[in-house]
Protein backbone atom coordinates (compact mmCIF):
# COMPACT_ATOMS: atom_id res chain seq x y z
CA MET A 1 29.63 -59.23 -90.86
CA PHE A 2 26.02 -58.18 -90.58
CA GLN A 3 26.53 -55.37 -92.68
CA VAL A 4 28.28 -57.24 -95.35
CA LEU A 5 25.75 -59.90 -95.56
CA PHE A 6 23.16 -57.09 -95.77
CA CYS A 7 24.53 -55.40 -98.69
CA SER A 8 25.30 -58.64 -100.63
CA ASP A 9 21.43 -59.29 -100.20
CA ILE A 10 20.23 -56.29 -101.47
CA VAL A 11 22.57 -55.74 -104.59
CA PRO A 12 20.89 -58.45 -106.75
CA ASP A 13 17.39 -56.80 -106.04
CA PHE A 14 18.87 -53.54 -107.47
CA LYS A 15 20.01 -55.35 -110.44
CA LYS A 16 16.72 -56.87 -110.97
CA ASN A 17 14.62 -53.92 -110.22
CA GLU A 18 14.12 -53.03 -113.79
CA ARG A 19 10.89 -51.29 -115.23
CA ASN A 20 9.41 -52.28 -118.55
CA ASN A 21 6.77 -49.75 -119.41
CA SER A 22 5.35 -50.98 -122.58
CA ARG A 23 2.38 -52.91 -120.87
CA LEU A 24 1.76 -49.85 -118.63
CA TYR A 25 1.45 -47.80 -121.98
CA LEU A 26 -0.86 -50.40 -123.36
CA ALA A 27 -2.99 -50.32 -120.31
CA VAL A 28 -3.11 -46.37 -120.40
CA PHE A 29 -4.01 -46.25 -124.14
CA SER A 30 -6.90 -48.90 -123.67
CA ALA A 31 -8.40 -46.54 -120.94
CA VAL A 32 -7.77 -43.29 -122.59
CA LEU A 33 -9.98 -44.34 -125.66
CA GLY A 34 -12.81 -43.13 -123.18
CA ASN A 35 -11.25 -39.57 -123.31
CA PHE A 36 -11.03 -39.82 -127.02
CA ASN A 37 -14.69 -40.24 -127.16
CA PHE A 38 -15.20 -37.66 -124.41
CA GLY A 39 -13.46 -35.09 -126.39
CA TYR A 40 -15.17 -36.28 -129.88
CA SER A 41 -18.79 -36.02 -128.04
CA LEU A 42 -18.06 -32.72 -126.27
CA VAL A 43 -17.58 -30.88 -129.34
CA TYR A 44 -20.32 -32.40 -131.52
CA PRO A 45 -22.70 -29.54 -131.82
CA SER A 46 -19.92 -27.50 -133.37
CA PRO A 47 -20.35 -28.75 -137.12
CA VAL A 48 -23.89 -29.94 -136.39
CA LEU A 49 -25.67 -26.70 -135.18
CA PRO A 50 -25.00 -24.92 -138.48
CA LYS A 51 -27.06 -27.62 -140.04
CA LEU A 52 -29.85 -28.25 -137.73
CA THR A 53 -30.31 -24.44 -137.26
CA SER A 54 -30.46 -23.83 -141.06
CA PRO A 55 -33.72 -23.38 -143.16
CA ASP A 56 -32.69 -26.30 -145.12
CA ALA A 57 -33.02 -28.74 -142.00
CA ASP A 58 -35.38 -31.18 -141.60
CA PRO A 59 -38.52 -29.62 -140.05
CA ARG A 60 -38.75 -32.36 -137.47
CA LEU A 61 -35.17 -31.58 -136.08
CA ARG A 62 -35.08 -27.83 -136.73
CA LEU A 63 -33.54 -26.16 -133.65
CA ASP A 64 -34.79 -22.60 -132.66
CA PRO A 65 -32.09 -20.46 -130.36
CA ASN A 66 -33.51 -22.03 -127.36
CA GLN A 67 -33.51 -25.47 -128.43
CA ALA A 68 -29.79 -24.79 -129.71
CA ALA A 69 -29.01 -23.83 -126.28
CA TRP A 70 -30.12 -26.93 -124.92
CA PHE A 71 -28.49 -29.12 -127.48
CA GLY A 72 -25.12 -27.52 -126.66
CA SER A 73 -25.43 -27.62 -122.97
CA ILE A 74 -27.35 -30.76 -121.89
CA TYR A 75 -24.26 -32.60 -122.56
CA SER A 76 -22.87 -30.97 -119.56
CA LEU A 77 -25.94 -32.05 -117.45
CA GLY A 78 -25.43 -35.66 -118.38
CA ALA A 79 -21.83 -35.23 -117.64
CA ALA A 80 -22.61 -34.15 -114.24
CA ALA A 81 -24.91 -36.97 -113.67
CA GLY A 82 -22.07 -39.34 -114.88
CA GLY A 83 -19.69 -37.97 -112.40
CA LEU A 84 -22.29 -38.50 -109.56
CA GLY A 85 -22.63 -42.11 -111.22
CA ALA A 86 -18.86 -42.57 -110.88
CA MET A 87 -18.54 -41.49 -107.33
CA LEU A 88 -20.60 -44.61 -106.48
CA LEU A 89 -19.16 -46.86 -109.10
CA ASN A 90 -15.56 -46.21 -108.65
CA ASP A 91 -15.57 -47.83 -105.36
CA LEU A 92 -18.15 -50.24 -105.90
CA ILE A 93 -17.04 -51.81 -108.84
CA GLY A 94 -13.53 -50.53 -109.72
CA ARG A 95 -11.89 -47.84 -111.41
CA LYS A 96 -11.58 -50.20 -114.70
CA MET A 97 -15.00 -51.41 -114.75
CA SER A 98 -16.26 -47.90 -114.24
CA ILE A 99 -14.54 -46.96 -117.52
CA MET A 100 -15.76 -50.04 -119.25
CA MET A 101 -19.35 -49.30 -117.89
CA SER A 102 -19.18 -45.81 -119.95
CA ALA A 103 -19.52 -47.52 -123.20
CA VAL A 104 -23.10 -48.35 -122.57
CA PRO A 105 -24.61 -44.80 -122.50
CA SER A 106 -22.14 -43.69 -125.16
CA THR A 107 -23.24 -46.17 -127.64
CA ALA A 108 -26.93 -45.56 -126.79
CA GLY A 109 -26.47 -41.94 -127.13
CA TYR A 110 -24.67 -42.20 -130.45
CA THR A 111 -27.54 -44.64 -131.87
CA LEU A 112 -30.27 -41.99 -130.64
CA MET A 113 -28.40 -39.11 -132.30
CA GLY A 114 -27.86 -40.97 -135.60
CA GLY A 115 -31.22 -42.24 -135.96
CA ALA A 116 -33.05 -39.12 -134.84
CA VAL A 117 -36.24 -38.37 -135.97
CA ASN A 118 -37.29 -35.70 -133.49
CA LEU A 119 -35.96 -33.34 -131.07
CA SER A 120 -36.28 -35.75 -128.01
CA MET A 121 -34.03 -38.32 -129.43
CA LEU A 122 -31.61 -35.64 -130.17
CA HIS A 123 -31.27 -34.26 -126.90
CA GLY A 124 -31.70 -37.41 -125.22
CA GLY A 125 -28.71 -38.79 -127.34
CA ARG A 126 -26.66 -35.83 -126.37
CA PHE A 127 -27.52 -36.42 -122.70
CA LEU A 128 -26.53 -40.03 -122.75
CA THR A 129 -23.02 -39.18 -124.28
CA GLY A 130 -22.65 -36.74 -121.76
CA VAL A 131 -23.39 -39.37 -118.78
CA ALA A 132 -20.52 -41.47 -120.48
CA GLY A 133 -18.15 -38.26 -120.63
CA GLY A 134 -18.70 -37.72 -116.80
CA MET A 135 -18.33 -41.11 -116.00
CA THR A 136 -14.74 -41.39 -117.82
CA ALA A 137 -13.56 -38.03 -116.75
CA ALA A 138 -14.11 -39.17 -113.07
CA SER A 139 -12.39 -42.83 -113.52
CA ILE A 140 -9.68 -42.65 -116.05
CA PRO A 141 -7.30 -40.04 -114.34
CA VAL A 142 -7.69 -42.01 -111.22
CA TYR A 143 -7.06 -45.22 -112.74
CA ILE A 144 -3.74 -43.84 -114.56
CA SER A 145 -2.50 -42.39 -111.54
CA GLU A 146 -2.88 -45.49 -109.73
CA ILE A 147 -1.29 -47.77 -111.96
CA SER A 148 1.61 -45.41 -113.16
CA HIS A 149 4.77 -44.68 -111.21
CA LYS A 150 6.04 -41.16 -110.43
CA LYS A 151 8.83 -41.25 -112.96
CA VAL A 152 6.09 -41.38 -115.79
CA ARG A 153 2.87 -40.31 -113.83
CA GLY A 154 3.20 -36.64 -115.33
CA ALA A 155 3.45 -37.66 -118.83
CA LEU A 156 0.97 -40.24 -118.41
CA GLY A 157 -1.33 -37.95 -116.54
CA SER A 158 -1.75 -35.75 -119.54
CA CYS A 159 -2.38 -38.51 -121.73
CA PRO A 160 -6.40 -38.10 -121.06
CA GLN A 161 -6.25 -34.56 -122.24
CA ILE A 162 -4.28 -35.49 -125.21
CA THR A 163 -6.65 -37.91 -126.26
CA ALA A 164 -9.66 -35.75 -125.53
CA VAL A 165 -8.19 -33.20 -127.86
CA PHE A 166 -7.18 -35.86 -130.67
CA GLY A 167 -10.91 -36.85 -130.20
CA THR A 168 -12.11 -33.24 -130.74
CA LEU A 169 -9.72 -32.73 -133.88
CA THR A 170 -10.96 -35.86 -135.41
CA LEU A 171 -14.52 -34.32 -135.17
CA TYR A 172 -13.79 -31.04 -136.70
CA ALA A 173 -11.79 -32.90 -139.49
CA LEU A 174 -14.55 -35.11 -140.03
CA GLY A 175 -17.26 -32.52 -139.88
CA LEU A 176 -15.69 -31.05 -142.92
CA VAL A 177 -16.67 -34.23 -145.22
CA VAL A 178 -18.98 -36.49 -143.23
CA PRO A 179 -22.74 -35.81 -142.67
CA TRP A 180 -23.83 -35.09 -139.32
CA ARG A 181 -25.73 -38.47 -138.76
CA TRP A 182 -22.64 -40.52 -139.84
CA LEU A 183 -20.35 -38.28 -137.35
CA ALA A 184 -22.62 -40.09 -134.64
CA VAL A 185 -22.22 -43.28 -136.27
CA ALA A 186 -18.38 -43.00 -136.05
CA GLY A 187 -18.56 -42.04 -132.24
CA CYS A 188 -19.47 -45.64 -131.57
CA VAL A 189 -16.18 -47.21 -132.58
CA PRO A 190 -13.62 -45.86 -129.68
CA ALA A 191 -16.18 -46.71 -127.14
CA VAL A 192 -16.36 -50.57 -128.51
CA LEU A 193 -12.77 -50.65 -129.02
CA MET A 194 -12.15 -49.34 -125.64
CA VAL A 195 -14.10 -52.20 -123.78
CA VAL A 196 -12.42 -54.97 -125.91
CA LEU A 197 -8.97 -53.80 -124.88
CA LEU A 198 -9.66 -52.91 -121.05
CA VAL A 199 -10.96 -56.78 -120.85
CA PHE A 200 -7.28 -57.73 -121.18
CA MET A 201 -5.82 -55.10 -118.85
CA PRO A 202 -5.34 -55.29 -114.96
CA SER A 203 -7.13 -53.34 -112.21
CA SER A 204 -5.45 -50.84 -110.11
CA PRO A 205 -2.95 -52.51 -107.53
CA ARG A 206 -4.14 -49.92 -105.04
CA ARG A 207 -7.86 -50.97 -105.30
CA LEU A 208 -6.84 -54.56 -105.10
CA LEU A 209 -4.49 -54.04 -101.93
CA SER A 210 -7.38 -52.05 -100.10
CA LEU A 211 -9.87 -55.20 -101.01
CA GLY A 212 -7.19 -57.27 -99.16
CA GLN A 213 -6.30 -59.18 -102.46
CA GLU A 214 -2.48 -59.12 -102.20
CA GLN A 215 -2.07 -61.81 -104.60
CA LYS A 216 -3.90 -60.36 -107.44
CA ALA A 217 -2.29 -56.74 -106.56
CA GLU A 218 1.01 -58.36 -107.10
CA LYS A 219 0.20 -59.99 -110.15
CA ALA A 220 -1.33 -56.92 -111.57
CA LEU A 221 1.79 -54.57 -110.47
CA ARG A 222 4.21 -57.20 -111.99
CA TRP A 223 2.21 -57.19 -115.25
CA LEU A 224 2.44 -53.35 -115.39
CA ARG A 225 6.18 -53.12 -114.54
CA GLY A 226 7.59 -56.32 -115.98
CA ALA A 227 8.82 -59.45 -114.82
CA LYS A 228 12.18 -58.24 -113.62
CA TYR A 229 10.85 -55.55 -111.39
CA ASN A 230 11.20 -55.99 -107.71
CA THR A 231 7.37 -55.33 -106.89
CA SER A 232 7.83 -55.73 -103.12
CA ILE A 233 9.28 -52.23 -102.31
CA GLU A 234 6.43 -50.61 -104.15
CA LEU A 235 3.52 -52.90 -102.92
CA ASN A 236 4.80 -52.19 -99.34
CA ALA A 237 4.55 -48.58 -99.85
CA ILE A 238 1.22 -48.71 -101.14
CA GLN A 239 0.19 -51.08 -98.32
CA HIS A 240 1.51 -48.38 -95.77
CA SER A 241 -0.36 -45.95 -97.19
CA ILE A 242 -3.44 -48.07 -97.23
CA ASN A 243 -2.93 -48.99 -93.57
CA THR A 244 -2.76 -45.33 -92.46
CA GLN A 245 -6.09 -44.67 -93.93
CA VAL A 246 -9.41 -45.12 -92.08
CA LYS A 247 -13.05 -44.69 -93.11
CA ILE A 248 -13.72 -41.03 -93.33
CA THR A 249 -16.58 -39.60 -90.91
CA LEU A 250 -18.31 -36.04 -91.12
CA ALA A 251 -16.19 -35.09 -88.46
CA GLN A 252 -12.86 -36.19 -90.10
CA LEU A 253 -13.99 -34.18 -93.22
CA ALA A 254 -12.99 -31.15 -91.05
CA THR A 255 -9.51 -32.02 -90.81
CA PRO A 256 -6.79 -30.65 -93.30
CA ILE A 257 -5.51 -34.00 -94.53
CA TYR A 258 -9.04 -34.52 -96.21
CA TYR A 259 -10.91 -31.06 -96.77
CA ARG A 260 -7.74 -28.99 -98.24
CA PRO A 261 -6.87 -31.45 -101.17
CA ILE A 262 -10.66 -31.97 -101.88
CA LEU A 263 -11.12 -28.11 -101.74
CA ILE A 264 -8.07 -27.65 -104.00
CA SER A 265 -9.38 -30.27 -106.44
CA VAL A 266 -12.81 -28.63 -106.48
CA GLY A 267 -11.61 -25.14 -106.60
CA MET A 268 -9.44 -26.37 -109.93
CA ARG A 269 -12.28 -27.89 -111.53
CA PHE A 270 -14.55 -24.98 -110.91
CA LEU A 271 -12.13 -22.38 -112.40
CA GLN A 272 -11.10 -24.53 -115.37
CA GLN A 273 -14.70 -24.53 -116.38
CA MET A 274 -15.19 -20.73 -115.56
CA THR A 275 -12.61 -20.02 -117.87
CA GLY A 276 -15.12 -20.56 -120.83
CA ILE A 277 -13.44 -23.22 -122.50
CA THR A 278 -16.53 -25.56 -122.67
CA PRO A 279 -18.84 -22.92 -124.41
CA ILE A 280 -15.85 -21.83 -126.65
CA LEU A 281 -15.26 -25.39 -127.98
CA VAL A 282 -19.01 -26.29 -128.16
CA TYR A 283 -19.92 -23.15 -130.11
CA LEU A 284 -16.65 -22.52 -131.91
CA GLU A 285 -18.02 -22.43 -135.59
CA PRO A 286 -20.99 -20.24 -134.34
CA ILE A 287 -18.53 -17.73 -132.83
CA PHE A 288 -16.19 -17.62 -135.57
CA ALA A 289 -19.54 -16.89 -137.76
CA LYS A 290 -20.18 -13.83 -135.39
CA SER A 291 -16.50 -12.70 -135.19
CA SER A 292 -16.33 -12.31 -139.19
CA VAL A 293 -13.10 -14.05 -139.56
CA SER A 294 -12.44 -14.18 -143.39
CA LEU A 295 -11.90 -18.19 -143.35
CA GLU A 296 -14.92 -20.39 -143.33
CA PRO A 297 -15.86 -21.22 -139.54
CA ARG A 298 -15.61 -25.09 -140.05
CA TYR A 299 -11.97 -24.60 -141.36
CA ASP A 300 -11.31 -22.24 -138.55
CA ALA A 301 -12.44 -24.77 -136.09
CA ALA A 302 -10.07 -27.39 -137.57
CA ILE A 303 -6.94 -24.99 -136.99
CA VAL A 304 -7.92 -24.51 -133.56
CA GLY A 305 -8.25 -28.40 -133.05
CA ALA A 306 -4.88 -28.97 -134.48
CA VAL A 307 -3.12 -26.04 -132.21
CA ARG A 308 -4.77 -27.50 -129.16
CA LEU A 309 -3.41 -31.09 -130.18
CA LEU A 310 0.01 -29.68 -130.65
CA SER A 311 -0.08 -27.58 -127.37
CA VAL A 312 -1.11 -30.55 -125.12
CA ALA A 313 1.61 -32.65 -126.59
CA VAL A 314 4.10 -29.70 -125.73
CA ALA A 315 2.54 -29.71 -122.00
CA ALA A 316 3.11 -33.67 -121.91
CA SER A 317 6.59 -33.09 -122.50
CA LEU A 318 7.26 -30.24 -120.06
CA MET A 319 4.92 -31.89 -117.36
CA ASP A 320 7.49 -33.51 -115.44
CA LYS A 321 10.48 -30.91 -116.33
CA ALA A 322 9.02 -27.59 -115.67
CA GLY A 323 6.37 -28.44 -113.18
CA ARG A 324 2.83 -28.13 -112.77
CA LYS A 325 2.91 -24.61 -111.30
CA ALA A 326 5.00 -23.15 -113.83
CA LEU A 327 2.80 -24.53 -116.64
CA LEU A 328 -0.34 -23.12 -114.85
CA TYR A 329 1.29 -19.83 -114.73
CA THR A 330 2.14 -19.69 -118.22
CA SER A 331 -1.39 -21.17 -119.00
CA SER A 332 -2.96 -18.48 -116.95
CA MET A 333 -1.23 -15.66 -118.58
CA LEU A 334 -1.55 -16.68 -122.17
CA MET A 335 -5.53 -17.34 -121.33
CA PHE A 336 -5.70 -13.85 -119.76
CA LEU A 337 -3.89 -11.88 -122.57
CA SER A 338 -5.91 -13.74 -125.34
CA SER A 339 -9.11 -13.25 -123.80
CA LEU A 340 -8.35 -9.62 -122.82
CA THR A 341 -7.71 -9.12 -126.53
CA LEU A 342 -11.14 -10.79 -127.60
CA THR A 343 -13.08 -8.58 -125.22
CA MET A 344 -11.46 -5.57 -126.72
CA ILE A 345 -11.94 -6.50 -130.40
CA SER A 346 -15.64 -7.84 -129.63
CA HIS A 347 -16.51 -4.47 -128.08
CA THR A 348 -19.28 -2.84 -130.03
CA THR A 349 -17.67 0.61 -130.00
CA PRO A 350 -17.83 1.99 -133.75
CA CYS A 351 -14.79 2.62 -135.58
CA PRO A 352 -14.39 6.33 -136.51
CA ALA A 353 -14.85 7.13 -140.10
CA VAL A 354 -12.33 7.31 -142.53
CA ASN A 355 -12.19 10.76 -144.43
CA VAL A 356 -10.74 9.80 -147.84
CA THR A 357 -9.91 12.31 -150.50
CA ALA A 358 -11.33 12.00 -154.23
CA PRO A 359 -7.97 11.66 -155.81
CA ASN A 360 -6.84 9.07 -153.32
CA SER A 361 -10.03 7.30 -152.76
CA GLU A 362 -8.64 3.95 -154.61
CA LEU A 363 -5.55 4.01 -152.37
CA GLY A 364 -7.71 4.69 -149.23
CA ASN A 365 -10.04 1.97 -149.99
CA ALA A 366 -7.18 -0.62 -150.52
CA LEU A 367 -5.43 0.40 -147.33
CA GLN A 368 -8.92 0.21 -145.57
CA ALA A 369 -9.71 -3.45 -147.01
CA SER A 370 -6.11 -4.40 -146.10
CA GLN A 371 -6.51 -3.41 -142.46
CA GLU A 372 -9.99 -5.03 -142.31
CA THR A 373 -8.62 -8.27 -143.59
CA ALA A 374 -5.45 -8.16 -141.00
CA LEU A 375 -8.17 -7.69 -138.22
CA SER A 376 -10.53 -10.23 -139.33
CA PHE A 377 -7.64 -12.41 -138.33
CA VAL A 378 -7.14 -11.31 -134.70
CA PRO A 379 -10.22 -13.29 -133.52
CA LEU A 380 -8.82 -16.56 -134.79
CA ILE A 381 -5.38 -15.70 -133.51
CA SER A 382 -6.52 -14.91 -130.20
CA THR A 383 -8.77 -17.88 -129.84
CA VAL A 384 -5.83 -20.13 -131.10
CA VAL A 385 -3.67 -18.67 -128.23
CA PHE A 386 -6.43 -19.22 -125.46
CA ILE A 387 -6.90 -22.78 -126.74
CA PHE A 388 -2.96 -23.35 -126.44
CA GLY A 389 -2.53 -21.72 -123.10
CA TYR A 390 -5.49 -23.69 -122.07
CA ALA A 391 -4.28 -26.77 -123.18
CA MET A 392 -0.85 -26.42 -121.91
CA GLY A 393 -1.85 -26.07 -118.19
CA TRP A 394 -5.40 -25.69 -117.11
CA GLY A 395 -6.59 -28.54 -119.32
CA PRO A 396 -4.22 -31.49 -118.55
CA ILE A 397 -2.88 -30.56 -115.41
CA THR A 398 -5.91 -30.04 -113.30
CA TRP A 399 -7.11 -33.53 -114.41
CA LEU A 400 -3.75 -34.78 -113.23
CA LEU A 401 -3.27 -33.00 -110.02
CA MET A 402 -7.13 -34.14 -109.08
CA SER A 403 -5.95 -37.85 -109.11
CA GLU A 404 -2.51 -36.98 -107.39
CA VAL A 405 -3.63 -34.99 -104.40
CA LEU A 406 -6.95 -36.56 -103.45
CA PRO A 407 -6.44 -38.87 -100.55
CA LEU A 408 -6.87 -42.38 -101.32
CA VAL A 409 -9.49 -43.60 -99.11
CA ALA A 410 -11.88 -40.55 -100.64
CA ARG A 411 -10.34 -40.72 -104.10
CA GLY A 412 -13.23 -42.42 -105.72
CA VAL A 413 -16.03 -40.24 -104.12
CA ALA A 414 -13.94 -37.16 -104.06
CA SER A 415 -13.09 -37.51 -108.02
CA GLY A 416 -16.86 -37.98 -108.73
CA LEU A 417 -17.72 -34.74 -106.65
CA CYS A 418 -14.85 -32.86 -108.64
CA VAL A 419 -16.33 -33.93 -111.97
CA THR A 420 -19.93 -33.15 -110.94
CA VAL A 421 -19.03 -29.53 -109.76
CA SER A 422 -17.11 -29.09 -112.95
CA TRP A 423 -19.94 -30.25 -115.39
CA VAL A 424 -22.77 -28.51 -113.49
CA THR A 425 -20.62 -25.08 -113.87
CA ALA A 426 -20.18 -25.98 -117.55
CA PHE A 427 -23.74 -26.57 -118.07
CA VAL A 428 -24.87 -23.29 -116.52
CA LEU A 429 -22.19 -21.51 -118.41
CA THR A 430 -22.81 -23.37 -121.72
CA HIS A 431 -26.47 -22.51 -121.66
CA ALA A 432 -26.34 -18.97 -120.46
CA PHE A 433 -23.35 -18.32 -123.03
CA THR A 434 -25.74 -18.40 -126.21
CA LEU A 435 -28.31 -16.03 -124.16
CA LEU A 436 -25.41 -13.49 -123.32
CA VAL A 437 -24.37 -13.25 -126.91
CA ASP A 438 -27.68 -12.98 -128.16
CA ALA A 439 -28.21 -10.04 -125.66
CA TYR A 440 -24.84 -8.47 -125.32
CA GLY A 441 -22.68 -9.78 -127.91
CA LEU A 442 -19.33 -11.71 -127.35
CA TYR A 443 -18.22 -8.74 -125.25
CA VAL A 444 -19.69 -9.52 -122.04
CA PRO A 445 -18.72 -13.48 -121.94
CA TYR A 446 -15.06 -12.59 -122.98
CA LEU A 447 -14.79 -9.80 -120.31
CA MET A 448 -16.04 -12.63 -117.47
CA PHE A 449 -13.45 -15.10 -118.53
CA THR A 450 -10.76 -12.54 -118.54
CA VAL A 451 -11.67 -11.75 -114.77
CA VAL A 452 -11.46 -15.76 -114.37
CA CYS A 453 -8.27 -15.88 -115.57
CA VAL A 454 -6.90 -13.42 -112.85
CA PHE A 455 -8.35 -15.62 -110.15
CA CYS A 456 -6.67 -18.50 -111.86
CA LEU A 457 -3.29 -16.92 -111.37
CA LEU A 458 -4.06 -16.23 -107.67
CA PHE A 459 -5.37 -19.48 -107.03
CA ASN A 460 -2.42 -21.38 -108.43
CA ALA A 461 0.12 -18.79 -106.46
CA VAL A 462 -1.58 -19.51 -103.12
CA CYS A 463 -3.47 -22.90 -103.00
CA ILE A 464 -1.83 -25.42 -105.56
CA PRO A 465 1.17 -27.42 -104.29
CA GLU A 466 3.86 -28.70 -106.47
CA THR A 467 3.59 -32.41 -107.25
CA ARG A 468 6.37 -33.04 -109.48
CA LYS A 469 8.58 -36.01 -108.79
CA ARG A 470 6.49 -36.87 -105.84
CA SER A 471 4.79 -40.38 -105.38
CA LEU A 472 1.19 -40.62 -104.27
CA GLU A 473 2.17 -41.44 -100.78
CA GLU A 474 4.55 -38.50 -100.53
CA ILE A 475 1.77 -36.21 -101.41
CA GLU A 476 -0.69 -37.79 -98.84
CA ASN A 477 1.99 -37.25 -96.24
CA TYR A 478 2.33 -33.66 -97.13
CA PHE A 479 -1.50 -32.83 -96.45
CA ARG A 480 -1.31 -35.20 -93.42
CA THR A 481 1.84 -33.11 -92.02
CA GLY A 482 -0.28 -29.93 -92.50
CA ARG A 483 2.91 -28.16 -93.67
CA THR A 484 3.21 -25.21 -96.06
CA PHE A 485 2.35 -25.79 -99.79
CA THR A 486 5.92 -26.06 -100.77
CA ILE A 487 6.70 -29.74 -100.30
CA ARG A 488 10.13 -30.37 -98.89
CA GLN A 489 12.50 -32.68 -100.86
CA ASN A 490 13.74 -34.83 -97.98
CA HIS A 491 11.10 -35.16 -95.14
CA PRO A 492 12.16 -38.21 -93.02
CA SER A 493 8.67 -39.29 -92.42
CA VAL A 494 7.96 -39.69 -96.26
CA VAL A 495 7.12 -43.07 -97.68
CA SER A 496 8.78 -43.27 -101.22
CA SER A 497 7.39 -45.50 -103.90
């Protein structure tokens, strides 16, 4: 009799348990406008540097090679500072408010660059937009992972990278026709729009529950899932995860449940930057100018931006089908092959002389010209493949995995740490890139990027777990149990949401 009554009680709940994702998508869109601004500001020097380093530039703003290196790299230093700030703000005022706060340095930075009359304003504005980028990079992936459910978390987790790529492409496209000062003015628009929309979005239900605000958490989750969704099951799972957490001490950081996911996240962010993606994107037009591609560098940059957007869209569609590790393997191999090709073609070994007899001199010259034309597209094709590979895996998936594997109790601080490590690495690499190119050409940095891609393959094989179709509670349970990196499908102690 008890069993009959119990079944009759739960059947209506299943009928009512219908999700409506429309508001969830709106909340994600509102947040990732910060990533659009991040992608836009990251590559701002690509069309601007050729204008500020030319002899026709305003003498007050003309950049020598050392100043140009600082203009390109100081963004990463600002992003590292923003990541450190997010370590405090994520837990102090919450993920949503941290994202909104990033609009302040972003708008101030663009204003300084748009109205710059000296180098200090240029570098100061560039630094401030970097601070905003670091804040959003540390906060947005965590916010999205905490408001999403596991069926769409993979696809939504790639949205920050998609919008960042779209912001990059927008900058490249506008750079073809818009003066560099107006490029800075245009960068203020998405930041302001982001703040306006986020005012109406809910805070993370996980954070609200961790603060003991059950009613607000239930209201936020119902807003995100729809009126017909039974929130009690998911809220209980989240509450169970929170109840099993304690404040971390230094001694507890030595336990695998904490140090393993943190080290994995830091390692991913370090390797992602060491692939060379930031200096390649920041100096894309100057790189193509040195590579002697037959097209104008600004058009090459626009082509690469379009391909990058396409590849991230492909990754988003495959994220929850092929799995994270499979896409990371594919990404690593594509980057390795393309960077190896770029290493070989950028080597300064002289080509053998062509012995052309007099009667066939015209034919020989024509063949040589056609070969040179064909070879001139190899750097463009290889760079496109590199960007395609990166944007399929090591671009979006490292952000997603960082937000998935970090333990809830340390997620705010640890995500800030990951972003800080990432951008300190990017700063050093971006600043050193121009010095290496000036001293040795493109060969040496490309060779280094090729070696790093091998380490990416090994790191994925040994360290990174497959989190596809896993709730955040199941992932935490995986690190808590100390089992192998292969997560079992039906572990009895796993709490599902």
